[in-house]
Protein backbone atom coordinates (compact mmCIF):
# COMPACT_ATOMS: atom_id res chain seq x y z
CA MET A 1 0.26 -0.21 0.02
CA GLU A 2 1.36 3.42 -1.40
CA VAL A 3 0.10 6.69 -2.12
CA GLY A 4 -1.08 6.08 -6.02
CA SER A 5 -1.68 2.55 -5.96
CA LYS A 6 -4.80 1.77 -7.88
CA PHE A 7 -7.76 -0.69 -7.69
CA GLU A 8 -10.51 -1.48 -9.97
CA ASN A 9 -13.06 -0.38 -7.75
CA VAL A 10 -13.89 -0.05 -3.73
CA VAL A 11 -14.55 -3.56 -3.46
CA ASP A 12 -11.16 -4.76 -4.72
CA PHE A 13 -9.21 -1.77 -2.55
CA ARG A 14 -11.38 -2.98 0.50
CA ARG A 15 -10.25 -6.68 0.20
CA ALA A 16 -6.39 -5.21 -0.76
CA LEU A 17 -6.13 -3.27 2.85
CA ASN A 18 -7.67 -6.26 4.66
CA HIS A 19 -4.96 -8.24 3.33
CA PHE A 20 -2.58 -5.77 3.88
CA ALA A 21 -3.50 -5.69 7.56
CA VAL A 22 -3.56 -9.02 8.10
CA ILE A 23 -0.16 -9.71 6.57
CA ASN A 24 1.33 -6.71 8.87
CA GLU A 25 -0.49 -7.94 11.77
CA PHE A 26 -2.80 -4.29 12.89
CA ASN A 27 -6.25 -3.82 12.88
CA TYR A 28 -8.09 -0.50 11.63
CA TYR A 29 -11.48 1.30 12.04
CA ILE A 30 -13.47 2.35 9.23
CA LEU A 31 -14.20 6.37 8.94
CA LYS A 32 -15.84 6.73 5.79
CA SER A 33 -17.03 3.98 3.38
CA ASP A 34 -18.85 4.34 0.24
CA PRO A 35 -19.00 3.60 -3.20
CA THR A 36 -16.62 6.83 -3.91
CA ARG A 37 -13.92 7.21 -0.88
CA PHE A 38 -12.88 5.00 1.97
CA THR A 39 -10.78 6.61 5.12
CA SER A 40 -9.31 4.27 7.70
CA LYS A 41 -7.31 4.87 10.71
CA TYR A 42 -5.16 2.49 13.16
CA GLU A 43 -7.43 1.14 16.21
CA ASN A 44 -4.49 2.59 18.41
CA LEU A 45 -5.64 6.30 18.37
CA GLU A 46 -2.06 7.21 19.35
CA CYS A 47 -0.89 6.03 16.02
CA GLU A 48 -0.67 8.42 13.01
CA TRP A 49 -1.60 5.35 10.68
CA ARG A 50 -4.16 6.58 8.02
CA ILE A 51 -5.58 5.28 4.62
CA HIS A 52 -7.54 7.43 2.28
CA ALA A 53 -8.52 6.28 -1.09
CA SER A 54 -11.09 7.39 -3.44
CA ILE A 55 -12.55 6.94 -7.05
CA THR A 56 -10.90 8.89 -10.00
CA GLN A 57 -11.89 10.79 -12.48
CA ASP A 58 -12.69 8.07 -15.05
CA ALA A 59 -15.53 7.09 -12.28
CA VAL A 60 -14.59 3.29 -11.38
CA THR A 61 -10.77 3.37 -10.42
CA PHE A 62 -9.88 3.63 -6.85
CA GLU A 63 -6.77 5.27 -6.25
CA VAL A 64 -5.02 5.66 -2.90
CA SER A 65 -4.46 9.63 -2.15
CA VAL A 66 -3.07 9.58 2.09
CA TYR A 67 -1.21 6.60 3.53
CA GLN A 68 0.17 7.86 6.93
CA VAL A 69 2.84 5.25 8.05
CA HIS A 70 2.76 3.56 11.42
CA SER A 71 4.28 5.68 14.47
CA CYS A 72 3.75 2.86 16.73
CA THR A 73 5.13 -0.79 17.26
CA ARG A 74 2.52 -3.42 16.74
CA SER A 75 2.31 -7.17 18.01
CA ASN A 76 -1.04 -9.20 16.42
CA LYS A 77 0.66 -12.10 17.96
CA GLY A 78 -1.81 -14.22 15.93
CA GLY A 79 -5.02 -12.77 16.75
CA ASN A 80 -5.96 -10.51 13.22
CA LYS A 81 -9.81 -9.49 13.87
CA ARG A 82 -9.26 -8.95 9.92
CA ALA A 83 -8.68 -12.60 8.92
CA THR A 84 -12.75 -12.94 8.12
CA GLN A 85 -14.18 -15.52 6.45
CA GLY A 86 -13.92 -13.78 3.17
CA TRP A 87 -10.37 -13.18 3.16
CA ILE A 88 -9.59 -17.14 4.70
CA ALA A 89 -11.65 -18.20 1.49
CA ASN A 90 -9.63 -16.17 -0.96
CA VAL A 91 -6.50 -17.38 0.69
CA VAL A 92 -7.77 -21.03 0.72
CA THR A 93 -8.89 -21.04 -2.88
CA ASP A 94 -5.93 -19.73 -4.38
CA LYS A 95 -4.01 -22.51 -1.93
CA LEU A 96 -6.14 -25.02 -3.72
CA LYS A 97 -5.80 -24.05 -7.07
CA SER A 98 -1.97 -24.18 -6.35
CA ASP A 99 -1.71 -27.01 -4.78
CA GLY A 100 -4.71 -29.47 -5.26
CA ASP A 101 -6.33 -31.78 -2.68
CA VAL A 102 -5.70 -30.31 0.84
CA SER A 103 -7.16 -31.49 3.95
CA PRO A 104 -8.95 -28.94 6.34
CA TYR A 105 -5.73 -29.34 8.89
CA GLU A 106 -3.50 -28.84 6.73
CA LEU A 107 -5.11 -25.64 5.46
CA ARG A 108 -5.46 -24.34 9.15
CA ASN A 109 -1.48 -25.03 9.63
CA TRP A 110 -0.69 -23.64 6.52
CA ILE A 111 -2.80 -20.51 7.22
CA ILE A 112 -0.69 -20.11 11.11
CA LYS A 113 2.47 -20.86 9.62
CA THR A 114 2.02 -18.26 6.94
CA TYR A 115 -0.19 -15.58 8.17
CA ASN A 116 0.71 -16.11 11.91
CA VAL A 117 -3.16 -16.25 12.17
CA ASP A 118 -4.75 -18.75 14.01
CA VAL A 119 -8.19 -20.20 12.81
CA THR A 120 -10.40 -22.79 14.28
CA TYR A 121 -10.90 -26.04 12.42
């Protein structure tokens, strides 16, 4: 994520931000979210992390216009709230496409190892 990053629409942007938050082990809350703009801040209000993206002149593409980096240290310890069912479904779909038939137990262990997110069976 950086200023100038472009996405096909707000849904793609939200998915990318959610994945970014899981990978970097932090949680955020949404200030504004509608089909034309999105603003979010880090859940720790003392941190300066903030992101804002909005629709471009083509009325379709979403572009990040503000990105403030973290001013704090953070540690998720495997409990990221952004690892939703939808996020897990996207990650597992990609894994199954590349590896074929994988058991639920193997998928769970792979998610824990790869993303440091503890998911229930």
